[in-house]
Amino acid sequence: MASITVKQKEAKTITFTITSDGSAVDVSSAVLSFQVKENKDDAAVISKTDEDFDKTSASSGIVTLNLSDTDLDLEAITYTAELKTVFEASVNIDKSVDIEFIVQDAVID
């Protein structure tokens, strides 16, 4: 399982490279979403939609997502995140991946 580590209340840009069988997938026409939950069946503590992604390099399978300091105002624990990729020609989720989302304590002076 992939993992992402962030610090409490510190903005973070996350870059995702979407592949299939080791090759980059053109996701420029795909609809992306990203959610972070304490447990898989809980309500999302972070929820991002397609409009939140920078798809400048999506034709090469690369997208970025900015999480603000407010987004990351979370308890310092390990969450479960999910990145979903849905292609317009399909009503099914074509790709979905679970990610270990680790929030570390902020450094306090």
PDB file of N, CA and C in Angstrom:
ATOM      1  N   MET A   1       0.852  -1.174   0.000  1.00  0.00           N
ATOM      2  CA  MET A   1       0.000   0.000   0.000  1.00  0.00           C
ATOM      3  C   MET A   1       0.896   1.235   0.000  1.00  0.00           C
ATOM      4  N   ALA A   2       0.560   2.165  -0.837  1.00  0.00           N
ATOM      5  CA  ALA A   2       1.280   3.439  -0.894  1.00  0.00           C
ATOM      6  C   ALA A   2       0.988   4.240   0.375  1.00  0.00           C
ATOM      7  N   SER A   3       1.869   5.178   0.690  1.00  0.00           N
ATOM      8  CA  SER A   3       1.616   6.025   1.852  1.00  0.00           C
ATOM      9  C   SER A   3       2.013   7.465   1.558  1.00  0.00           C
ATOM     10  N   ILE A   4       1.342   8.358   2.256  1.00  0.00           N
ATOM     11  CA  ILE A   4       1.615   9.796   2.191  1.00  0.00           C
ATOM     12  C   ILE A   4       1.757  10.264   3.627  1.00  0.00           C
ATOM     13  N   THR A   5       2.819  11.014   3.904  1.00  0.00           N
ATOM     14  CA  THR A   5       3.013  11.569   5.244  1.00  0.00           C
ATOM     15  C   THR A   5       2.947  13.085   5.156  1.00  0.00           C
ATOM     16  N   VAL A   6       2.131  13.677   6.037  1.00  0.00           N
ATOM     17  CA  VAL A   6       1.977  15.134   6.101  1.00  0.00           C
ATOM     18  C   VAL A   6       2.122  15.568   7.551  1.00  0.00           C
ATOM     19  N   LYS A   7       2.297  16.863   7.752  1.00  0.00           N
ATOM     20  CA  LYS A   7       2.340  17.413   9.109  1.00  0.00           C
ATOM     21  C   LYS A   7       1.054  18.187   9.372  1.00  0.00           C
ATOM     22  N   GLN A   8       0.621  18.140  10.621  1.00  0.00           N
ATOM     23  CA  GLN A   8      -0.575  18.873  11.016  1.00  0.00           C
ATOM     24  C   GLN A   8      -0.456  20.334  10.624  1.00  0.00           C
ATOM     25  N   LYS A   9      -1.506  20.867  10.046  1.00  0.00           N
ATOM     26  CA  LYS A   9      -1.651  22.299   9.748  1.00  0.00           C
ATOM     27  C   LYS A   9      -0.576  22.870   8.835  1.00  0.00           C
ATOM     28  N   GLU A  10       0.141  22.026   8.077  1.00  0.00           N
ATOM     29  CA  GLU A  10       1.118  22.505   7.103  1.00  0.00           C
ATOM     30  C   GLU A  10       0.629  22.141   5.706  1.00  0.00           C
ATOM     31  N   ALA A  11       0.447  23.140   4.871  1.00  0.00           N
ATOM     32  CA  ALA A  11      -0.026  22.903   3.501  1.00  0.00           C
ATOM     33  C   ALA A  11       0.923  21.932   2.793  1.00  0.00           C
ATOM     34  N   LYS A  12       0.375  21.125   1.918  1.00  0.00           N
ATOM     35  CA  LYS A  12       1.172  20.112   1.217  1.00  0.00           C
ATOM     36  C   LYS A  12       0.625  19.929  -0.194  1.00  0.00           C
ATOM     37  N   THR A  13       1.533  19.838  -1.161  1.00  0.00           N
ATOM     38  CA  THR A  13       1.164  19.496  -2.532  1.00  0.00           C
ATOM     39  C   THR A  13       1.539  18.039  -2.756  1.00  0.00           C
ATOM     40  N   ILE A  14       0.576  17.266  -3.208  1.00  0.00           N
ATOM     41  CA  ILE A  14       0.789  15.841  -3.457  1.00  0.00           C
ATOM     42  C   ILE A  14       0.743  15.612  -4.964  1.00  0.00           C
ATOM     43  N   THR A  15       1.721  14.890  -5.470  1.00  0.00           N
ATOM     44  CA  THR A  15       1.760  14.538  -6.886  1.00  0.00           C
ATOM     45  C   THR A  15       1.460  13.056  -7.023  1.00  0.00           C
ATOM     46  N   PHE A  16       0.507  12.742  -7.880  1.00  0.00           N
ATOM     47  CA  PHE A  16       0.139  11.359  -8.172  1.00  0.00           C
ATOM     48  C   PHE A  16       0.540  11.034  -9.602  1.00  0.00           C
ATOM     49  N   THR A  17       1.126   9.861  -9.810  1.00  0.00           N
ATOM     50  CA  THR A  17       1.378   9.350 -11.147  1.00  0.00           C
ATOM     51  C   THR A  17       0.506   8.121 -11.316  1.00  0.00           C
ATOM     52  N   ILE A  18      -0.424   8.190 -12.243  1.00  0.00           N
ATOM     53  CA  ILE A  18      -1.397   7.119 -12.435  1.00  0.00           C
ATOM     54  C   ILE A  18      -0.908   6.208 -13.558  1.00  0.00           C
ATOM     55  N   THR A  19      -0.738   4.925 -13.187  1.00  0.00           N
ATOM     56  CA  THR A  19      -0.194   3.954 -14.131  1.00  0.00           C
ATOM     57  C   THR A  19      -1.083   2.719 -14.211  1.00  0.00           C
ATOM     58  N   SER A  20      -0.869   1.972 -15.246  1.00  0.00           N
ATOM     59  CA  SER A  20      -1.494   0.663 -15.414  1.00  0.00           C
ATOM     60  C   SER A  20      -0.441  -0.251 -16.010  1.00  0.00           C
ATOM     61  N   ASP A  21      -0.157  -1.339 -15.333  1.00  0.00           N
ATOM     62  CA  ASP A  21       0.889  -2.276 -15.769  1.00  0.00           C
ATOM     63  C   ASP A  21       2.222  -1.571 -16.001  1.00  0.00           C
ATOM     64  N   GLY A  22       2.518  -0.574 -15.163  1.00  0.00           N
ATOM     65  CA  GLY A  22       3.794   0.122 -15.233  1.00  0.00           C
ATOM     66  C   GLY A  22       3.864   1.273 -16.219  1.00  0.00           C
ATOM     67  N   SER A  23       2.826   1.468 -17.013  1.00  0.00           N
ATOM     68  CA  SER A  23       2.821   2.550 -18.000  1.00  0.00           C
ATOM     69  C   SER A  23       1.881   3.660 -17.562  1.00  0.00           C
ATOM     70  N   ALA A  24       2.273   4.898 -17.819  1.00  0.00           N
ATOM     71  CA  ALA A  24       1.435   6.047 -17.479  1.00  0.00           C
ATOM     72  C   ALA A  24       0.120   5.989 -18.240  1.00  0.00           C
ATOM     73  N   VAL A  25      -0.948   6.419 -17.581  1.00  0.00           N
ATOM     74  CA  VAL A  25      -2.287   6.438 -18.169  1.00  0.00           C
ATOM     75  C   VAL A  25      -2.702   7.883 -18.400  1.00  0.00           C
ATOM     76  N   ASP A  26      -3.170   8.183 -19.585  1.00  0.00           N
ATOM     77  CA  ASP A  26      -3.689   9.523 -19.886  1.00  0.00           C
ATOM     78  C   ASP A  26      -4.993   9.708 -19.117  1.00  0.00           C
ATOM     79  N   VAL A  27      -4.980  10.583 -18.125  1.00  0.00           N
ATOM     80  CA  VAL A  27      -6.166  10.825 -17.306  1.00  0.00           C
ATOM     81  C   VAL A  27      -6.765  12.212 -17.564  1.00  0.00           C
ATOM     82  N   SER A  28      -6.409  12.812 -18.703  1.00  0.00           N
ATOM     83  CA  SER A  28      -6.910  14.156 -18.992  1.00  0.00           C
ATOM     84  C   SER A  28      -8.425  14.189 -19.139  1.00  0.00           C
ATOM     85  N   SER A  29      -9.036  13.089 -19.551  1.00  0.00           N
ATOM     86  CA  SER A  29     -10.499  13.060 -19.678  1.00  0.00           C
ATOM     87  C   SER A  29     -11.172  12.361 -18.498  1.00  0.00           C
ATOM     88  N   ALA A  30     -10.383  11.941 -17.521  1.00  0.00           N
ATOM     89  CA  ALA A  30     -10.930  11.232 -16.364  1.00  0.00           C
ATOM     90  C   ALA A  30     -11.437  12.216 -15.312  1.00  0.00           C
ATOM     91  N   VAL A  31     -12.329  11.735 -14.465  1.00  0.00           N
ATOM     92  CA  VAL A  31     -12.828  12.499 -13.320  1.00  0.00           C
ATOM     93  C   VAL A  31     -12.158  11.907 -12.083  1.00  0.00           C
ATOM     94  N   LEU A  32     -11.438  12.751 -11.355  1.00  0.00           N
ATOM     95  CA  LEU A  32     -10.683  12.307 -10.192  1.00  0.00           C
ATOM     96  C   LEU A  32     -11.351  12.746  -8.900  1.00  0.00           C
ATOM     97  N   SER A  33     -11.141  11.965  -7.862  1.00  0.00           N
ATOM     98  CA  SER A  33     -11.579  12.367  -6.528  1.00  0.00           C
ATOM     99  C   SER A  33     -10.605  11.784  -5.510  1.00  0.00           C
ATOM    100  N   PHE A  34     -10.529  12.449  -4.364  1.00  0.00           N
ATOM    101  CA  PHE A  34      -9.617  12.046  -3.302  1.00  0.00           C
ATOM    102  C   PHE A  34     -10.329  12.245  -1.981  1.00  0.00           C
ATOM    103  N   GLN A  35     -10.307  11.211  -1.140  1.00  0.00           N
ATOM    104  CA  GLN A  35     -10.921  11.307   0.177  1.00  0.00           C
ATOM    105  C   GLN A  35      -9.991  10.731   1.224  1.00  0.00           C
ATOM    106  N   VAL A  36     -10.038  11.328   2.412  1.00  0.00           N
ATOM    107  CA  VAL A  36      -9.300  10.833   3.567  1.00  0.00           C
ATOM    108  C   VAL A  36     -10.325  10.572   4.667  1.00  0.00           C
ATOM    109  N   LYS A  37     -10.238   9.371   5.258  1.00  0.00           N
ATOM    110  CA  LYS A  37     -11.166   8.982   6.326  1.00  0.00           C
ATOM    111  C   LYS A  37     -10.380   8.363   7.471  1.00  0.00           C
ATOM    112  N   GLU A  38     -10.922   8.509   8.678  1.00  0.00           N
ATOM    113  CA  GLU A  38     -10.261   7.868   9.814  1.00  0.00           C
ATOM    114  C   GLU A  38     -10.338   6.357   9.657  1.00  0.00           C
ATOM    115  N   ASN A  39     -11.496   5.866   9.324  1.00  0.00           N
ATOM    116  CA  ASN A  39     -11.713   4.452   9.008  1.00  0.00           C
ATOM    117  C   ASN A  39     -12.488   4.393   7.699  1.00  0.00           C
ATOM    118  N   LYS A  40     -12.324   3.318   6.976  1.00  0.00           N
ATOM    119  CA  LYS A  40     -12.884   3.224   5.627  1.00  0.00           C
ATOM    120  C   LYS A  40     -14.384   3.541   5.553  1.00  0.00           C
ATOM    121  N   ASP A  41     -15.153   3.199   6.597  1.00  0.00           N
ATOM    122  CA  ASP A  41     -16.605   3.418   6.573  1.00  0.00           C
ATOM    123  C   ASP A  41     -17.040   4.750   7.178  1.00  0.00           C
ATOM    124  N   ASP A  42     -16.090   5.570   7.639  1.00  0.00           N
ATOM    125  CA  ASP A  42     -16.404   6.858   8.265  1.00  0.00           C
ATOM    126  C   ASP A  42     -16.639   7.943   7.217  1.00  0.00           C
ATOM    127  N   ALA A  43     -17.150   9.060   7.681  1.00  0.00           N
ATOM    128  CA  ALA A  43     -17.278  10.240   6.813  1.00  0.00           C
ATOM    129  C   ALA A  43     -15.883  10.777   6.511  1.00  0.00           C
ATOM    130  N   ALA A  44     -15.740  11.395   5.363  1.00  0.00           N
ATOM    131  CA  ALA A  44     -14.442  11.935   4.941  1.00  0.00           C
ATOM    132  C   ALA A  44     -14.076  13.154   5.777  1.00  0.00           C
ATOM    133  N   VAL A  45     -12.802  13.214   6.187  1.00  0.00           N
ATOM    134  CA  VAL A  45     -12.275  14.404   6.862  1.00  0.00           C
ATOM    135  C   VAL A  45     -11.629  15.343   5.840  1.00  0.00           C
ATOM    136  N   ILE A  46     -11.259  14.807   4.689  1.00  0.00           N
ATOM    137  CA  ILE A  46     -10.820  15.591   3.536  1.00  0.00           C
ATOM    138  C   ILE A  46     -11.520  14.998   2.327  1.00  0.00           C
ATOM    139  N   SER A  47     -12.123  15.857   1.526  1.00  0.00           N
ATOM    140  CA  SER A  47     -12.796  15.397   0.311  1.00  0.00           C
ATOM    141  C   SER A  47     -12.494  16.385  -0.811  1.00  0.00           C
ATOM    142  N   LYS A  48     -11.866  15.896  -1.866  1.00  0.00           N
ATOM    143  CA  LYS A  48     -11.501  16.736  -3.006  1.00  0.00           C
ATOM    144  C   LYS A  48     -12.131  16.161  -4.271  1.00  0.00           C
ATOM    145  N   THR A  49     -12.562  17.059  -5.142  1.00  0.00           N
ATOM    146  CA  THR A  49     -13.195  16.654  -6.395  1.00  0.00           C
ATOM    147  C   THR A  49     -12.283  16.981  -7.572  1.00  0.00           C
ATOM    148  N   ASP A  50     -12.710  16.627  -8.742  1.00  0.00           N
ATOM    149  CA  ASP A  50     -11.912  16.796  -9.953  1.00  0.00           C
ATOM    150  C   ASP A  50     -11.392  18.224 -10.127  1.00  0.00           C
ATOM    151  N   GLU A  51     -12.202  19.208  -9.762  1.00  0.00           N
ATOM    152  CA  GLU A  51     -11.817  20.613  -9.930  1.00  0.00           C
ATOM    153  C   GLU A  51     -10.631  20.995  -9.050  1.00  0.00           C
ATOM    154  N   ASP A  52     -10.376  20.223  -7.994  1.00  0.00           N
ATOM    155  CA  ASP A  52      -9.290  20.523  -7.070  1.00  0.00           C
ATOM    156  C   ASP A  52      -7.917  20.056  -7.575  1.00  0.00           C
ATOM    157  N   PHE A  53      -7.912  19.215  -8.604  1.00  0.00           N
ATOM    158  CA  PHE A  53      -6.663  18.673  -9.141  1.00  0.00           C
ATOM    159  C   PHE A  53      -6.081  19.581 -10.219  1.00  0.00           C
ATOM    160  N   ASP A  54      -4.749  19.689 -10.245  1.00  0.00           N
ATOM    161  CA  ASP A  54      -4.046  20.345 -11.346  1.00  0.00           C
ATOM    162  C   ASP A  54      -3.746  19.244 -12.358  1.00  0.00           C
ATOM    163  N   LYS A  55      -4.371  19.343 -13.534  1.00  0.00           N
ATOM    164  CA  LYS A  55      -4.247  18.311 -14.552  1.00  0.00           C
ATOM    165  C   LYS A  55      -3.364  18.752 -15.725  1.00  0.00           C
ATOM    166  N   THR A  56      -2.462  19.689 -15.475  1.00  0.00           N
ATOM    167  CA  THR A  56      -1.580  20.202 -16.522  1.00  0.00           C
ATOM    168  C   THR A  56      -0.836  19.082 -17.241  1.00  0.00           C
ATOM    169  N   SER A  57      -0.378  18.067 -16.497  1.00  0.00           N
ATOM    170  CA  SER A  57       0.371  16.947 -17.082  1.00  0.00           C
ATOM    171  C   SER A  57      -0.429  15.650 -17.092  1.00  0.00           C
ATOM    172  N   ALA A  58      -1.755  15.777 -17.075  1.00  0.00           N
ATOM    173  CA  ALA A  58      -2.623  14.597 -16.996  1.00  0.00           C
ATOM    174  C   ALA A  58      -2.464  13.650 -18.176  1.00  0.00           C
ATOM    175  N   SER A  59      -2.099  14.165 -19.341  1.00  0.00           N
ATOM    176  CA  SER A  59      -1.916  13.282 -20.493  1.00  0.00           C
ATOM    177  C   SER A  59      -0.745  12.324 -20.272  1.00  0.00           C
ATOM    178  N   SER A  60       0.155  12.662 -19.345  1.00  0.00           N
ATOM    179  CA  SER A  60       1.274  11.789 -18.976  1.00  0.00           C
ATOM    180  C   SER A  60       0.994  11.030 -17.684  1.00  0.00           C
ATOM    181  N   GLY A  61      -0.253  11.086 -17.213  1.00  0.00           N
ATOM    182  CA  GLY A  61      -0.647  10.367 -16.003  1.00  0.00           C
ATOM    183  C   GLY A  61      -0.301  11.066 -14.712  1.00  0.00           C
ATOM    184  N   ILE A  62       0.149  12.323 -14.785  1.00  0.00           N
ATOM    185  CA  ILE A  62       0.594  13.052 -13.595  1.00  0.00           C
ATOM    186  C   ILE A  62      -0.409  14.143 -13.236  1.00  0.00           C
ATOM    187  N   VAL A  63      -0.876  14.117 -11.991  1.00  0.00           N
ATOM    188  CA  VAL A  63      -1.778  15.146 -11.479  1.00  0.00           C
ATOM    189  C   VAL A  63      -1.283  15.572 -10.094  1.00  0.00           C
ATOM    190  N   THR A  64      -1.599  16.795  -9.720  1.00  0.00           N
ATOM    191  CA  THR A  64      -1.223  17.267  -8.387  1.00  0.00           C
ATOM    192  C   THR A  64      -2.460  17.758  -7.645  1.00  0.00           C
ATOM    193  N   LEU A  65      -2.350  17.719  -6.341  1.00  0.00           N
ATOM    194  CA  LEU A  65      -3.443  18.129  -5.471  1.00  0.00           C
ATOM    195  C   LEU A  65      -2.851  18.939  -4.325  1.00  0.00           C
ATOM    196  N   ASN A  66      -3.376  20.139  -4.119  1.00  0.00           N
ATOM    197  CA  ASN A  66      -2.928  20.986  -3.019  1.00  0.00           C
ATOM    198  C   ASN A  66      -3.850  20.798  -1.822  1.00  0.00           C
ATOM    199  N   LEU A  67      -3.250  20.476  -0.688  1.00  0.00           N
ATOM    200  CA  LEU A  67      -3.992  20.393   0.569  1.00  0.00           C
ATOM    201  C   LEU A  67      -3.570  21.588   1.412  1.00  0.00           C
ATOM    202  N   SER A  68      -4.532  22.347   1.872  1.00  0.00           N
ATOM    203  CA  SER A  68      -4.252  23.566   2.631  1.00  0.00           C
ATOM    204  C   SER A  68      -3.946  23.236   4.091  1.00  0.00           C
ATOM    205  N   ASP A  69      -3.444  24.237   4.800  1.00  0.00           N
ATOM    206  CA  ASP A  69      -3.218  24.064   6.232  1.00  0.00           C
ATOM    207  C   ASP A  69      -4.533  23.773   6.956  1.00  0.00           C
ATOM    208  N   THR A  70      -5.622  24.308   6.451  1.00  0.00           N
ATOM    209  CA  THR A  70      -6.939  24.040   7.027  1.00  0.00           C
ATOM    210  C   THR A  70      -7.357  22.593   6.762  1.00  0.00           C
ATOM    211  N   ASP A  71      -7.112  22.095   5.536  1.00  0.00           N
ATOM    212  CA  ASP A  71      -7.404  20.683   5.228  1.00  0.00           C
ATOM    213  C   ASP A  71      -6.685  19.766   6.205  1.00  0.00           C
ATOM    214  N   LEU A  72      -5.452  20.147   6.571  1.00  0.00           N
ATOM    215  CA  LEU A  72      -4.607  19.282   7.387  1.00  0.00           C
ATOM    216  C   LEU A  72      -4.654  19.614   8.878  1.00  0.00           C
ATOM    217  N   ASP A  73      -5.708  20.298   9.286  1.00  0.00           N
ATOM    218  CA  ASP A  73      -5.949  20.545  10.706  1.00  0.00           C
ATOM    219  C   ASP A  73      -6.638  19.298  11.273  1.00  0.00           C
ATOM    220  N   LEU A  74      -5.850  18.221  11.376  1.00  0.00           N
ATOM    221  CA  LEU A  74      -6.362  16.906  11.754  1.00  0.00           C
ATOM    222  C   LEU A  74      -5.591  16.356  12.940  1.00  0.00           C
ATOM    223  N   GLU A  75      -6.193  15.395  13.611  1.00  0.00           N
ATOM    224  CA  GLU A  75      -5.512  14.666  14.670  1.00  0.00           C
ATOM    225  C   GLU A  75      -4.319  13.900  14.081  1.00  0.00           C
ATOM    226  N   ALA A  76      -3.245  13.811  14.832  1.00  0.00           N
ATOM    227  CA  ALA A  76      -2.037  13.128  14.359  1.00  0.00           C
ATOM    228  C   ALA A  76      -2.197  11.607  14.522  1.00  0.00           C
ATOM    229  N   ILE A  77      -2.775  10.997  13.511  1.00  0.00           N
ATOM    230  CA  ILE A  77      -2.982   9.542  13.468  1.00  0.00           C
ATOM    231  C   ILE A  77      -2.837   9.094  12.014  1.00  0.00           C
ATOM    232  N   THR A  78      -2.983   7.803  11.791  1.00  0.00           N
ATOM    233  CA  THR A  78      -2.947   7.266  10.439  1.00  0.00           C
ATOM    234  C   THR A  78      -4.380   7.089   9.944  1.00  0.00           C
ATOM    235  N   TYR A  79      -4.653   7.662   8.781  1.00  0.00           N
ATOM    236  CA  TYR A  79      -5.961   7.605   8.141  1.00  0.00           C
ATOM    237  C   TYR A  79      -5.870   6.707   6.907  1.00  0.00           C
ATOM    238  N   THR A  80      -7.011   6.474   6.284  1.00  0.00           N
ATOM    239  CA  THR A  80      -7.055   5.783   4.996  1.00  0.00           C
ATOM    240  C   THR A  80      -7.509   6.784   3.954  1.00  0.00           C
ATOM    241  N   ALA A  81      -6.744   6.903   2.893  1.00  0.00           N
ATOM    242  CA  ALA A  81      -7.108   7.790   1.787  1.00  0.00           C
ATOM    243  C   ALA A  81      -7.427   6.940   0.573  1.00  0.00           C
ATOM    244  N   GLU A  82      -8.222   7.516  -0.325  1.00  0.00           N
ATOM    245  CA  GLU A  82      -8.564   6.812  -1.557  1.00  0.00           C
ATOM    246  C   GLU A  82      -8.531   7.795  -2.721  1.00  0.00           C
ATOM    247  N   LEU A  83      -7.822   7.407  -3.757  1.00  0.00           N
ATOM    248  CA  LEU A  83      -7.801   8.154  -5.009  1.00  0.00           C
ATOM    249  C   LEU A  83      -8.608   7.359  -6.014  1.00  0.00           C
ATOM    250  N   LYS A  84      -9.633   8.000  -6.583  1.00  0.00           N
ATOM    251  CA  LYS A  84     -10.479   7.343  -7.593  1.00  0.00           C
ATOM    252  C   LYS A  84     -10.298   8.032  -8.935  1.00  0.00           C
ATOM    253  N   THR A  85     -10.268   7.228  -9.968  1.00  0.00           N
ATOM    254  CA  THR A  85     -10.164   7.721 -11.341  1.00  0.00           C
ATOM    255  C   THR A  85     -11.288   7.097 -12.147  1.00  0.00           C
ATOM    256  N   VAL A  86     -12.193   7.921 -12.665  1.00  0.00           N
ATOM    257  CA  VAL A  86     -13.322   7.444 -13.454  1.00  0.00           C
ATOM    258  C   VAL A  86     -13.239   8.062 -14.838  1.00  0.00           C
ATOM    259  N   PHE A  87     -13.259   7.224 -15.842  1.00  0.00           N
ATOM    260  CA  PHE A  87     -13.195   7.715 -17.209  1.00  0.00           C
ATOM    261  C   PHE A  87     -14.599   7.996 -17.717  1.00  0.00           C
ATOM    262  N   GLU A  88     -14.765   9.076 -18.472  1.00  0.00           N
ATOM    263  CA  GLU A  88     -16.083   9.563 -18.905  1.00  0.00           C
ATOM    264  C   GLU A  88     -16.887   8.514 -19.668  1.00  0.00           C
ATOM    265  N   ALA A  89     -16.226   7.654 -20.417  1.00  0.00           N
ATOM    266  CA  ALA A  89     -16.927   6.661 -21.220  1.00  0.00           C
ATOM    267  C   ALA A  89     -17.433   5.495 -20.380  1.00  0.00           C
ATOM    268  N   SER A  90     -17.115   5.500 -19.091  1.00  0.00           N
ATOM    269  CA  SER A  90     -17.461   4.375 -18.229  1.00  0.00           C
ATOM    270  C   SER A  90     -18.275   4.862 -17.037  1.00  0.00           C
ATOM    271  N   VAL A  91     -19.225   4.052 -16.602  1.00  0.00           N
ATOM    272  CA  VAL A  91     -19.976   4.383 -15.390  1.00  0.00           C
ATOM    273  C   VAL A  91     -19.329   3.706 -14.181  1.00  0.00           C
ATOM    274  N   ASN A  92     -18.349   2.855 -14.436  1.00  0.00           N
ATOM    275  CA  ASN A  92     -17.656   2.158 -13.357  1.00  0.00           C
ATOM    276  C   ASN A  92     -16.351   2.874 -13.023  1.00  0.00           C
ATOM    277  N   ILE A  93     -15.889   2.671 -11.800  1.00  0.00           N
ATOM    278  CA  ILE A  93     -14.594   3.205 -11.413  1.00  0.00           C
ATOM    279  C   ILE A  93     -13.541   2.366 -12.115  1.00  0.00           C
ATOM    280  N   ASP A  94     -12.718   3.005 -12.909  1.00  0.00           N
ATOM    281  CA  ASP A  94     -11.696   2.279 -13.646  1.00  0.00           C
ATOM    282  C   ASP A  94     -10.461   2.023 -12.797  1.00  0.00           C
ATOM    283  N   LYS A  95     -10.146   2.941 -11.901  1.00  0.00           N
ATOM    284  CA  LYS A  95      -8.998   2.762 -11.017  1.00  0.00           C
ATOM    285  C   LYS A  95      -9.358   3.337  -9.654  1.00  0.00           C
ATOM    286  N   SER A  96      -8.959   2.618  -8.629  1.00  0.00           N
ATOM    287  CA  SER A  96      -9.144   3.093  -7.271  1.00  0.00           C
ATOM    288  C   SER A  96      -8.001   2.515  -6.451  1.00  0.00           C
ATOM    289  N   VAL A  97      -7.380   3.336  -5.633  1.00  0.00           N
ATOM    290  CA  VAL A  97      -6.263   2.856  -4.824  1.00  0.00           C
ATOM    291  C   VAL A  97      -6.390   3.387  -3.405  1.00  0.00           C
ATOM    292  N   ASP A  98      -6.153   2.498  -2.431  1.00  0.00           N
ATOM    293  CA  ASP A  98      -6.125   2.905  -1.033  1.00  0.00           C
ATOM    294  C   ASP A  98      -4.715   3.341  -0.685  1.00  0.00           C
ATOM    295  N   ILE A  99      -4.623   4.377   0.135  1.00  0.00           N
ATOM    296  CA  ILE A  99      -3.346   4.973   0.507  1.00  0.00           C
ATOM    297  C   ILE A  99      -3.326   5.177   2.016  1.00  0.00           C
ATOM    298  N   GLU A 100      -2.228   4.802   2.639  1.00  0.00           N
ATOM    299  CA  GLU A 100      -2.042   5.090   4.056  1.00  0.00           C
ATOM    300  C   GLU A 100      -1.699   6.578   4.160  1.00  0.00           C
ATOM    301  N   PHE A 101      -2.501   7.334   4.905  1.00  0.00           N
ATOM    302  CA  PHE A 101      -2.350   8.787   5.009  1.00  0.00           C
ATOM    303  C   PHE A 101      -1.955   9.108   6.447  1.00  0.00           C
ATOM    304  N   ILE A 102      -0.692   9.427   6.653  1.00  0.00           N
ATOM    305  CA  ILE A 102      -0.137   9.608   7.995  1.00  0.00           C
ATOM    306  C   ILE A 102      -0.027  11.098   8.310  1.00  0.00           C
ATOM    307  N   VAL A 103      -0.678  11.508   9.390  1.00  0.00           N
ATOM    308  CA  VAL A 103      -0.581  12.892   9.855  1.00  0.00           C
ATOM    309  C   VAL A 103       0.321  12.901  11.084  1.00  0.00           C
ATOM    310  N   GLN A 104       1.427  13.631  10.974  1.00  0.00           N
ATOM    311  CA  GLN A 104       2.378  13.733  12.082  1.00  0.00           C
ATOM    312  C   GLN A 104       2.102  14.986  12.889  1.00  0.00           C
ATOM    313  N   ASP A 105       2.500  14.936  14.177  1.00  0.00           N
ATOM    314  CA  ASP A 105       2.382  16.116  15.046  1.00  0.00           C
ATOM    315  C   ASP A 105       3.143  17.285  14.452  1.00  0.00           C
ATOM    316  N   ALA A 106       2.567  18.452  14.585  1.00  0.00           N
ATOM    317  CA  ALA A 106       3.261  19.677  14.153  1.00  0.00           C
ATOM    318  C   ALA A 106       4.367  19.968  15.153  1.00  0.00           C
ATOM    319  N   VAL A 107       5.426  20.572  14.677  1.00  0.00           N
ATOM    320  CA  VAL A 107       6.526  20.981  15.544  1.00  0.00           C
ATOM    321  C   VAL A 107       6.131  22.280  16.219  1.00  0.00           C
ATOM    322  N   ILE A 108       6.229  22.306  17.521  1.00  0.00           N
ATOM    323  CA  ILE A 108       5.844  23.502  18.279  1.00  0.00           C
ATOM    324  C   ILE A 108       7.111  24.093  18.896  1.00  0.00           C
ATOM    325  N   ASP A 109       7.304  25.389  18.693  1.00  0.00           N
ATOM    326  CA  ASP A 109       8.473  26.086  19.268  1.00  0.00           C
ATOM    327  C   ASP A 109       8.316  26.274  20.748  1.00  0.00           C
TER     328      ASP A 109
END
